[in-house]
Amino acid sequence: MDLVSDDLTNDRDTWLIILLARGHTTTRIAREMNLSRYTVAERISKLLDRFACSNRSQLVAYSYAHKLLDVGIWPPGASDTAG
């Protein structure tokens, strides 16, 4: 599971991974992102393939380990839910 380039995720991918880290379901992520649940499921599948992860938990762990998500915001959303 090596990083291929510096620009591996866009803002929407990062937001999707943050929502996964919060434990949200596909349906809830779809509501939050104003997408269909099928689009979200497809996007998750593509991220799993891109980073050679077997499941959502591994994708979240990979994202933190490879600094795609800032470990300083654990738990995800703790500092960005105010407002």
PDB file of N, CA and C in Angstrom:
ATOM      1  N   MET A   1       0.833  -1.183   0.000  1.00  0.00           N
ATOM      2  CA  MET A   1       0.000   0.000   0.000  1.00  0.00           C
ATOM      3  C   MET A   1       0.874   1.241   0.000  1.00  0.00           C
ATOM      4  N   ASP A   2       1.475   1.529  -1.088  1.00  0.00           N
ATOM      5  CA  ASP A   2       2.331   2.696  -1.190  1.00  0.00           C
ATOM      6  C   ASP A   2       1.577   3.844  -1.856  1.00  0.00           C
ATOM      7  N   LEU A   3       1.937   5.045  -1.462  1.00  0.00           N
ATOM      8  CA  LEU A   3       1.359   6.221  -2.093  1.00  0.00           C
ATOM      9  C   LEU A   3       1.962   6.382  -3.470  1.00  0.00           C
ATOM     10  N   VAL A   4       1.114   6.664  -4.443  1.00  0.00           N
ATOM     11  CA  VAL A   4       1.571   6.776  -5.820  1.00  0.00           C
ATOM     12  C   VAL A   4       1.885   8.217  -6.185  1.00  0.00           C
ATOM     13  N   SER A   5       1.130   9.159  -5.667  1.00  0.00           N
ATOM     14  CA  SER A   5       1.388  10.570  -5.954  1.00  0.00           C
ATOM     15  C   SER A   5       0.987  11.404  -4.750  1.00  0.00           C
ATOM     16  N   ASP A   6       1.364  12.679  -4.778  1.00  0.00           N
ATOM     17  CA  ASP A   6       1.037  13.568  -3.670  1.00  0.00           C
ATOM     18  C   ASP A   6      -0.433  13.971  -3.662  1.00  0.00           C
ATOM     19  N   ASP A   7      -1.076  13.944  -4.808  1.00  0.00           N
ATOM     20  CA  ASP A   7      -2.461  14.395  -4.918  1.00  0.00           C
ATOM     21  C   ASP A   7      -3.387  13.192  -5.073  1.00  0.00           C
ATOM     22  N   LEU A   8      -3.498  12.405  -4.014  1.00  0.00           N
ATOM     23  CA  LEU A   8      -4.258  11.170  -4.115  1.00  0.00           C
ATOM     24  C   LEU A   8      -5.741  11.344  -3.847  1.00  0.00           C
ATOM     25  N   THR A   9      -6.105  12.316  -3.071  1.00  0.00           N
ATOM     26  CA  THR A   9      -7.514  12.523  -2.779  1.00  0.00           C
ATOM     27  C   THR A   9      -7.881  13.980  -2.985  1.00  0.00           C
ATOM     28  N   ASN A  10      -9.107  14.179  -3.402  1.00  0.00           N
ATOM     29  CA  ASN A  10      -9.610  15.540  -3.486  1.00  0.00           C
ATOM     30  C   ASN A  10     -10.380  15.841  -2.201  1.00  0.00           C
ATOM     31  N   ASP A  11     -10.904  17.026  -2.080  1.00  0.00           N
ATOM     32  CA  ASP A  11     -11.604  17.438  -0.859  1.00  0.00           C
ATOM     33  C   ASP A  11     -12.804  16.542  -0.564  1.00  0.00           C
ATOM     34  N   ARG A  12     -13.540  16.153  -1.610  1.00  0.00           N
ATOM     35  CA  ARG A  12     -14.723  15.305  -1.390  1.00  0.00           C
ATOM     36  C   ARG A  12     -14.316  13.906  -0.935  1.00  0.00           C
ATOM     37  N   ASP A  13     -13.223  13.380  -1.457  1.00  0.00           N
ATOM     38  CA  ASP A  13     -12.735  12.082  -1.004  1.00  0.00           C
ATOM     39  C   ASP A  13     -12.308  12.170   0.463  1.00  0.00           C
ATOM     40  N   THR A  14     -11.615  13.234   0.807  1.00  0.00           N
ATOM     41  CA  THR A  14     -11.176  13.418   2.185  1.00  0.00           C
ATOM     42  C   THR A  14     -12.377  13.524   3.112  1.00  0.00           C
ATOM     43  N   TRP A  15     -13.381  14.293   2.717  1.00  0.00           N
ATOM     44  CA  TRP A  15     -14.598  14.438   3.524  1.00  0.00           C
ATOM     45  C   TRP A  15     -15.281  13.073   3.676  1.00  0.00           C
ATOM     46  N   LEU A  16     -15.330  12.286   2.613  1.00  0.00           N
ATOM     47  CA  LEU A  16     -15.930  10.964   2.673  1.00  0.00           C
ATOM     48  C   LEU A  16     -15.174  10.087   3.678  1.00  0.00           C
ATOM     49  N   ILE A  17     -13.857  10.125   3.654  1.00  0.00           N
ATOM     50  CA  ILE A  17     -13.059   9.320   4.581  1.00  0.00           C
ATOM     51  C   ILE A  17     -13.272   9.797   6.016  1.00  0.00           C
ATOM     52  N   ILE A  18     -13.390  11.095   6.228  1.00  0.00           N
ATOM     53  CA  ILE A  18     -13.673  11.627   7.569  1.00  0.00           C
ATOM     54  C   ILE A  18     -15.019  11.091   8.065  1.00  0.00           C
ATOM     55  N   LEU A  19     -16.017  11.087   7.194  1.00  0.00           N
ATOM     56  CA  LEU A  19     -17.325  10.565   7.586  1.00  0.00           C
ATOM     57  C   LEU A  19     -17.254   9.072   7.894  1.00  0.00           C
ATOM     58  N   LEU A  20     -16.444   8.335   7.136  1.00  0.00           N
ATOM     59  CA  LEU A  20     -16.227   6.921   7.448  1.00  0.00           C
ATOM     60  C   LEU A  20     -15.565   6.780   8.823  1.00  0.00           C
ATOM     61  N   ALA A  21     -14.586   7.631   9.096  1.00  0.00           N
ATOM     62  CA  ALA A  21     -13.887   7.590  10.380  1.00  0.00           C
ATOM     63  C   ALA A  21     -14.837   7.879  11.537  1.00  0.00           C
ATOM     64  N   ARG A  22     -15.856   8.672  11.283  1.00  0.00           N
ATOM     65  CA  ARG A  22     -16.864   8.957  12.305  1.00  0.00           C
ATOM     66  C   ARG A  22     -17.824   7.793  12.500  1.00  0.00           C
ATOM     67  N   GLY A  23     -17.747   6.803  11.615  1.00  0.00           N
ATOM     68  CA  GLY A  23     -18.607   5.636  11.738  1.00  0.00           C
ATOM     69  C   GLY A  23     -19.933   5.749  11.012  1.00  0.00           C
ATOM     70  N   HIS A  24     -20.056   6.727  10.123  1.00  0.00           N
ATOM     71  CA  HIS A  24     -21.317   6.922   9.399  1.00  0.00           C
ATOM     72  C   HIS A  24     -21.560   5.806   8.392  1.00  0.00           C
ATOM     73  N   THR A  25     -22.820   5.498   8.189  1.00  0.00           N
ATOM     74  CA  THR A  25     -23.223   4.518   7.182  1.00  0.00           C
ATOM     75  C   THR A  25     -23.186   5.151   5.804  1.00  0.00           C
ATOM     76  N   THR A  26     -23.275   4.305   4.786  1.00  0.00           N
ATOM     77  CA  THR A  26     -23.319   4.796   3.411  1.00  0.00           C
ATOM     78  C   THR A  26     -24.498   5.745   3.221  1.00  0.00           C
ATOM     79  N   THR A  27     -25.638   5.393   3.774  1.00  0.00           N
ATOM     80  CA  THR A  27     -26.837   6.232   3.636  1.00  0.00           C
ATOM     81  C   THR A  27     -26.635   7.590   4.291  1.00  0.00           C
ATOM     82  N   ARG A  28     -26.065   7.611   5.479  1.00  0.00           N
ATOM     83  CA  ARG A  28     -25.844   8.892   6.168  1.00  0.00           C
ATOM     84  C   ARG A  28     -24.810   9.743   5.434  1.00  0.00           C
ATOM     85  N   ILE A  29     -23.761   9.108   4.921  1.00  0.00           N
ATOM     86  CA  ILE A  29     -22.754   9.841   4.148  1.00  0.00           C
ATOM     87  C   ILE A  29     -23.411  10.444   2.907  1.00  0.00           C
ATOM     88  N   ALA A  30     -24.261   9.681   2.258  1.00  0.00           N
ATOM     89  CA  ALA A  30     -24.960  10.175   1.067  1.00  0.00           C
ATOM     90  C   ALA A  30     -25.780  11.418   1.404  1.00  0.00           C
ATOM     91  N   ARG A  31     -26.476  11.391   2.531  1.00  0.00           N
ATOM     92  CA  ARG A  31     -27.256  12.576   2.946  1.00  0.00           C
ATOM     93  C   ARG A  31     -26.347  13.756   3.202  1.00  0.00           C
ATOM     94  N   GLU A  32     -25.249  13.542   3.921  1.00  0.00           N
ATOM     95  CA  GLU A  32     -24.309  14.624   4.259  1.00  0.00           C
ATOM     96  C   GLU A  32     -23.684  15.248   3.017  1.00  0.00           C
ATOM     97  N   MET A  33     -23.407  14.401   2.011  1.00  0.00           N
ATOM     98  CA  MET A  33     -22.694  14.870   0.817  1.00  0.00           C
ATOM     99  C   MET A  33     -23.640  15.196  -0.345  1.00  0.00           C
ATOM    100  N   ASN A  34     -24.943  15.036  -0.113  1.00  0.00           N
ATOM    101  CA  ASN A  34     -25.938  15.283  -1.164  1.00  0.00           C
ATOM    102  C   ASN A  34     -25.672  14.443  -2.410  1.00  0.00           C
ATOM    103  N   LEU A  35     -25.422  13.156  -2.183  1.00  0.00           N
ATOM    104  CA  LEU A  35     -25.191  12.199  -3.257  1.00  0.00           C
ATOM    105  C   LEU A  35     -26.124  11.020  -3.055  1.00  0.00           C
ATOM    106  N   SER A  36     -26.268  10.189  -4.078  1.00  0.00           N
ATOM    107  CA  SER A  36     -27.030   8.959  -3.889  1.00  0.00           C
ATOM    108  C   SER A  36     -26.165   7.975  -3.128  1.00  0.00           C
ATOM    109  N   ARG A  37     -26.807   7.045  -2.415  1.00  0.00           N
ATOM    110  CA  ARG A  37     -26.031   6.052  -1.664  1.00  0.00           C
ATOM    111  C   ARG A  37     -25.242   5.156  -2.610  1.00  0.00           C
ATOM    112  N   TYR A  38     -25.728   4.995  -3.837  1.00  0.00           N
ATOM    113  CA  TYR A  38     -25.005   4.188  -4.824  1.00  0.00           C
ATOM    114  C   TYR A  38     -23.715   4.880  -5.268  1.00  0.00           C
ATOM    115  N   THR A  39     -23.781   6.193  -5.409  1.00  0.00           N
ATOM    116  CA  THR A  39     -22.581   6.962  -5.758  1.00  0.00           C
ATOM    117  C   THR A  39     -21.560   6.878  -4.633  1.00  0.00           C
ATOM    118  N   VAL A  40     -22.030   6.989  -3.399  1.00  0.00           N
ATOM    119  CA  VAL A  40     -21.127   6.896  -2.245  1.00  0.00           C
ATOM    120  C   VAL A  40     -20.490   5.513  -2.178  1.00  0.00           C
ATOM    121  N   ALA A  41     -21.293   4.479  -2.356  1.00  0.00           N
ATOM    122  CA  ALA A  41     -20.763   3.111  -2.321  1.00  0.00           C
ATOM    123  C   ALA A  41     -19.713   2.900  -3.410  1.00  0.00           C
ATOM    124  N   GLU A  42     -19.967   3.439  -4.584  1.00  0.00           N
ATOM    125  CA  GLU A  42     -19.003   3.322  -5.688  1.00  0.00           C
ATOM    126  C   GLU A  42     -17.715   4.073  -5.359  1.00  0.00           C
ATOM    127  N   ARG A  43     -17.855   5.273  -4.783  1.00  0.00           N
ATOM    128  CA  ARG A  43     -16.681   6.079  -4.430  1.00  0.00           C
ATOM    129  C   ARG A  43     -15.843   5.373  -3.358  1.00  0.00           C
ATOM    130  N   ILE A  44     -16.513   4.782  -2.369  1.00  0.00           N
ATOM    131  CA  ILE A  44     -15.801   4.040  -1.327  1.00  0.00           C
ATOM    132  C   ILE A  44     -15.057   2.864  -1.954  1.00  0.00           C
ATOM    133  N   SER A  45     -15.725   2.158  -2.840  1.00  0.00           N
ATOM    134  CA  SER A  45     -15.105   1.019  -3.520  1.00  0.00           C
ATOM    135  C   SER A  45     -13.856   1.445  -4.287  1.00  0.00           C
ATOM    136  N   LYS A  46     -13.933   2.573  -4.967  1.00  0.00           N
ATOM    137  CA  LYS A  46     -12.781   3.071  -5.718  1.00  0.00           C
ATOM    138  C   LYS A  46     -11.636   3.461  -4.783  1.00  0.00           C
ATOM    139  N   LEU A  47     -11.957   4.060  -3.641  1.00  0.00           N
ATOM    140  CA  LEU A  47     -10.920   4.411  -2.671  1.00  0.00           C
ATOM    141  C   LEU A  47     -10.275   3.159  -2.086  1.00  0.00           C
ATOM    142  N   LEU A  48     -11.087   2.151  -1.799  1.00  0.00           N
ATOM    143  CA  LEU A  48     -10.543   0.886  -1.294  1.00  0.00           C
ATOM    144  C   LEU A  48      -9.577   0.282  -2.303  1.00  0.00           C
ATOM    145  N   ASP A  49      -9.972   0.289  -3.564  1.00  0.00           N
ATOM    146  CA  ASP A  49      -9.095  -0.238  -4.614  1.00  0.00           C
ATOM    147  C   ASP A  49      -7.827   0.597  -4.757  1.00  0.00           C
ATOM    148  N   ARG A  50      -7.981   1.910  -4.760  1.00  0.00           N
ATOM    149  CA  ARG A  50      -6.841   2.810  -4.963  1.00  0.00           C
ATOM    150  C   ARG A  50      -5.766   2.607  -3.909  1.00  0.00           C
ATOM    151  N   PHE A  51      -6.193   2.382  -2.667  1.00  0.00           N
ATOM    152  CA  PHE A  51      -5.230   2.245  -1.577  1.00  0.00           C
ATOM    153  C   PHE A  51      -5.037   0.797  -1.148  1.00  0.00           C
ATOM    154  N   ALA A  52      -5.558  -0.137  -1.928  1.00  0.00           N
ATOM    155  CA  ALA A  52      -5.414  -1.579  -1.666  1.00  0.00           C
ATOM    156  C   ALA A  52      -5.852  -1.943  -0.253  1.00  0.00           C
ATOM    157  N   CYS A  53      -7.000  -1.412   0.141  1.00  0.00           N
ATOM    158  CA  CYS A  53      -7.558  -1.700   1.463  1.00  0.00           C
ATOM    159  C   CYS A  53      -8.697  -2.707   1.325  1.00  0.00           C
ATOM    160  N   SER A  54      -8.863  -3.538   2.343  1.00  0.00           N
ATOM    161  CA  SER A  54      -9.882  -4.584   2.314  1.00  0.00           C
ATOM    162  C   SER A  54     -11.247  -4.120   2.806  1.00  0.00           C
ATOM    163  N   ASN A  55     -11.250  -3.095   3.671  1.00  0.00           N
ATOM    164  CA  ASN A  55     -12.512  -2.640   4.242  1.00  0.00           C
ATOM    165  C   ASN A  55     -12.403  -1.174   4.664  1.00  0.00           C
ATOM    166  N   ARG A  56     -13.502  -0.639   5.128  1.00  0.00           N
ATOM    167  CA  ARG A  56     -13.567   0.779   5.496  1.00  0.00           C
ATOM    168  C   ARG A  56     -12.625   1.116   6.651  1.00  0.00           C
ATOM    169  N   SER A  57     -12.571   0.245   7.633  1.00  0.00           N
ATOM    170  CA  SER A  57     -11.688   0.499   8.778  1.00  0.00           C
ATOM    171  C   SER A  57     -10.232   0.577   8.346  1.00  0.00           C
ATOM    172  N   GLN A  58      -9.852  -0.309   7.458  1.00  0.00           N
ATOM    173  CA  GLN A  58      -8.472  -0.297   6.967  1.00  0.00           C
ATOM    174  C   GLN A  58      -8.212   0.975   6.155  1.00  0.00           C
ATOM    175  N   LEU A  59      -9.200   1.435   5.402  1.00  0.00           N
ATOM    176  CA  LEU A  59      -9.066   2.682   4.639  1.00  0.00           C
ATOM    177  C   LEU A  59      -8.847   3.867   5.574  1.00  0.00           C
ATOM    178  N   VAL A  60      -9.611   3.926   6.657  1.00  0.00           N
ATOM    179  CA  VAL A  60      -9.459   5.017   7.623  1.00  0.00           C
ATOM    180  C   VAL A  60      -8.079   4.951   8.277  1.00  0.00           C
ATOM    181  N   ALA A  61      -7.672   3.755   8.702  1.00  0.00           N
ATOM    182  CA  ALA A  61      -6.351   3.602   9.326  1.00  0.00           C
ATOM    183  C   ALA A  61      -5.247   3.993   8.347  1.00  0.00           C
ATOM    184  N   TYR A  62      -5.371   3.555   7.104  1.00  0.00           N
ATOM    185  CA  TYR A  62      -4.403   3.895   6.064  1.00  0.00           C
ATOM    186  C   TYR A  62      -4.324   5.414   5.886  1.00  0.00           C
ATOM    187  N   SER A  63      -5.479   6.058   5.889  1.00  0.00           N
ATOM    188  CA  SER A  63      -5.539   7.512   5.685  1.00  0.00           C
ATOM    189  C   SER A  63      -4.814   8.261   6.784  1.00  0.00           C
ATOM    190  N   TYR A  64      -4.951   7.799   8.019  1.00  0.00           N
ATOM    191  CA  TYR A  64      -4.216   8.420   9.122  1.00  0.00           C
ATOM    192  C   TYR A  64      -2.731   8.074   9.051  1.00  0.00           C
ATOM    193  N   ALA A  65      -2.412   6.823   8.781  1.00  0.00           N
ATOM    194  CA  ALA A  65      -1.009   6.385   8.746  1.00  0.00           C
ATOM    195  C   ALA A  65      -0.215   7.090   7.657  1.00  0.00           C
ATOM    196  N   HIS A  66      -0.870   7.399   6.532  1.00  0.00           N
ATOM    197  CA  HIS A  66      -0.185   8.038   5.414  1.00  0.00           C
ATOM    198  C   HIS A  66      -0.476   9.538   5.319  1.00  0.00           C
ATOM    199  N   LYS A  67      -1.000  10.075   6.427  1.00  0.00           N
ATOM    200  CA  LYS A  67      -1.208  11.521   6.573  1.00  0.00           C
ATOM    201  C   LYS A  67      -2.167  12.116   5.540  1.00  0.00           C
ATOM    202  N   LEU A  68      -3.099  11.295   5.051  1.00  0.00           N
ATOM    203  CA  LEU A  68      -4.181  11.836   4.221  1.00  0.00           C
ATOM    204  C   LEU A  68      -5.185  12.544   5.124  1.00  0.00           C
ATOM    205  N   LEU A  69      -5.255  12.096   6.372  1.00  0.00           N
ATOM    206  CA  LEU A  69      -6.033  12.762   7.414  1.00  0.00           C
ATOM    207  C   LEU A  69      -5.061  13.144   8.512  1.00  0.00           C
ATOM    208  N   ASP A  70      -5.266  14.291   9.119  1.00  0.00           N
ATOM    209  CA  ASP A  70      -4.390  14.798  10.167  1.00  0.00           C
ATOM    210  C   ASP A  70      -4.733  14.126  11.493  1.00  0.00           C
ATOM    211  N   VAL A  71      -3.766  13.446  12.084  1.00  0.00           N
ATOM    212  CA  VAL A  71      -4.009  12.774  13.358  1.00  0.00           C
ATOM    213  C   VAL A  71      -4.370  13.760  14.455  1.00  0.00           C
ATOM    214  N   GLY A  72      -4.074  15.025  14.242  1.00  0.00           N
ATOM    215  CA  GLY A  72      -4.426  16.050  15.223  1.00  0.00           C
ATOM    216  C   GLY A  72      -5.916  16.315  15.325  1.00  0.00           C
ATOM    217  N   ILE A  73      -6.702  15.764  14.401  1.00  0.00           N
ATOM    218  CA  ILE A  73      -8.146  15.974  14.468  1.00  0.00           C
ATOM    219  C   ILE A  73      -8.889  14.739  14.970  1.00  0.00           C
ATOM    220  N   TRP A  74      -8.157  13.798  15.614  1.00  0.00           N
ATOM    221  CA  TRP A  74      -8.819  12.621  16.155  1.00  0.00           C
ATOM    222  C   TRP A  74      -9.477  12.964  17.483  1.00  0.00           C
ATOM    223  N   PRO A  75     -10.679  12.596  17.769  1.00  0.00           N
ATOM    224  CA  PRO A  75     -11.563  11.921  16.840  1.00  0.00           C
ATOM    225  C   PRO A  75     -12.044  12.875  15.757  1.00  0.00           C
ATOM    226  N   PRO A  76     -12.303  12.326  14.582  1.00  0.00           N
ATOM    227  CA  PRO A  76     -12.701  13.181  13.462  1.00  0.00           C
ATOM    228  C   PRO A  76     -13.974  13.935  13.793  1.00  0.00           C
ATOM    229  N   GLY A  77     -13.948  15.195  13.506  1.00  0.00           N
ATOM    230  CA  GLY A  77     -15.126  16.030  13.732  1.00  0.00           C
ATOM    231  C   GLY A  77     -15.199  16.655  15.099  1.00  0.00           C
ATOM    232  N   ALA A  78     -14.306  16.295  16.003  1.00  0.00           N
ATOM    233  CA  ALA A  78     -14.339  16.838  17.348  1.00  0.00           C
ATOM    234  C   ALA A  78     -14.185  18.356  17.351  1.00  0.00           C
ATOM    235  N   SER A  79     -13.360  18.869  16.439  1.00  0.00           N
ATOM    236  CA  SER A  79     -13.124  20.316  16.408  1.00  0.00           C
ATOM    237  C   SER A  79     -13.890  21.014  15.306  1.00  0.00           C
ATOM    238  N   ASP A  80     -14.476  20.268  14.376  1.00  0.00           N
ATOM    239  CA  ASP A  80     -15.134  20.928  13.254  1.00  0.00           C
ATOM    240  C   ASP A  80     -16.652  20.788  13.286  1.00  0.00           C
ATOM    241  N   THR A  81     -17.241  20.337  14.395  1.00  0.00           N
ATOM    242  CA  THR A  81     -18.691  20.214  14.450  1.00  0.00           C
ATOM    243  C   THR A  81     -19.355  21.433  15.083  1.00  0.00           C
ATOM    244  N   ALA A  82     -18.598  22.299  15.676  1.00  0.00           N
ATOM    245  CA  ALA A  82     -19.175  23.507  16.261  1.00  0.00           C
ATOM    246  C   ALA A  82     -19.604  24.458  15.170  1.00  0.00           C
ATOM    247  N   GLY A  83     -20.770  25.053  15.360  1.00  0.00           N
ATOM    248  CA  GLY A  83     -21.173  26.054  14.392  1.00  0.00           C
ATOM    249  C   GLY A  83     -22.371  25.745  13.752  1.00  0.00           C
TER     250      GLY A  83
END
